[in-house]
Amino acid sequence: MRTKVMVIDDHEVVLHGIASALSKNEELEIVALISDPREVLRAVEQKKPDIVIMDLAMPHLNGIECTYQIRKIGPKIKIIIYTMHSYRDFLAHLLKAGISAYVLKSSPLSDLTMAIEVVRKNGTFFSDNAPEFFSAHLQDLLQKGEKTDPFDLLSPRERQVFQMLAEGNSIKKTAEYLCISPKTVETHKYHIMEKLNLRSMAEWTKEAIKRGIVSI
């Protein structure tokens, strides 16, 4: 039986580039190419992929939160993060969320194909040029007594609001996208600022950039 692969990236060129590279492997079946983050969870439920290859920073839904939600739908789904970002701050969060591989887009494409093969055999894979901190201390991140990250205190909805406002969306647009009232968005905004100790939207944006949730 062929391994079902889903690719998620908001850049069409990347999607089709990966699909073209993987189409040569007869043991893989590309079941979906997703460019709209709003379609991700529905597609996962319908297609039931074995492996998801996903960008880390996508509009309205970041890779960390998406990983948590995909794992809720299918705990056995293997997730490969394929990204240009190599920030150290959220690598522990990705590991806790349950990723199986972390490949930088600056790496050779062979790294991605190798990651797929390793993950298919229930292994983990990280690019040679991924942060040394991550590869050298992969297991320690879960075992050491780390201080609680305030970001962990945010609910899934608050994380969505955090990202959308950091991307520059208005309260009204965020409310419409999430199908909630503007007043509810304002409440979430207040709670987020309180939990993360943010005093302005400038600090809000800096926090999002630091965590790789939005790009500069």
Foldseek 3Di string as FASTA:
>chain_A
DAAEEEEEALDPVVQVVLVVVCVVDPSYDDPYYHNDPVCVLVCCLVRVGQEYEYEQAHALDGPLLVLLSSCVSPVRREYEYEYQDQFPPCLLSNVVSPHQEYHYPVDPVVQVVVQVVQVVVVHHYYDPPRDPVCVVCVPVSVVDDDDDDLVVVQDSLLVSLLLNVLVVDDLVVSCVVVVHDSVVSVVSVVVVCVSNVNDDSVVSNVVCCSNVNDDD
